[in-house]
Structure formats: structure tokens, C-alpha cells
């Protein structure tokens, strides 16, 4: 049980670091202004709308299928990795 908890803590910390680095890169691009800044602003809005729709579908599906939260965690890592690849 302790190993499981410790793994969750490390995964959460790693996710936090990755999120902060993506946010920092996007803010720097926005701060630079010009065409890259405008493109980044548009991309951020588009990404947020897509993520919201995806989350709503996943939540509704989970409720309807009576899934446990543990069953849904596996998909988050692949989504996070795909999102990180889009940022490069």
C-alpha cells in the first residue's frame, strides 16, 4: 500500500513539474507578442475548448458505465504525453 501511495506522489509531482514547464513556455511565447504570440493565444483557447469537451464526454461515459476512478487513470498519461508532443 505504501509503494502505491509513494508512486502516486511521485507521479503527481512529475505531472506538476511538466505542467509548470508547459505553462512557462506558453507564457514566454505570449509575452513575445507578434504573430507567434497571437498564434499561441488562439491555440490555447482551442486546446482548452477541446479539453473541456473531451473531459465532459469522459465524465459522462464514466458515470453511465459506472466506472471507478482508478479505471479511468490509465488514459490520462497517454493524453498528457500527446499534449506534450504537440507543444514541441
Foldseek 3Di string as FASTA:
>chain_A
DVVVVVVVVVVVVVVVVVVVVLVVVLVVQLVVDDPSNVVSVVVVVVVVVVVVVVVVVVVVVCVVVVHDPVVPVVVVVVVVVVVVVVSD
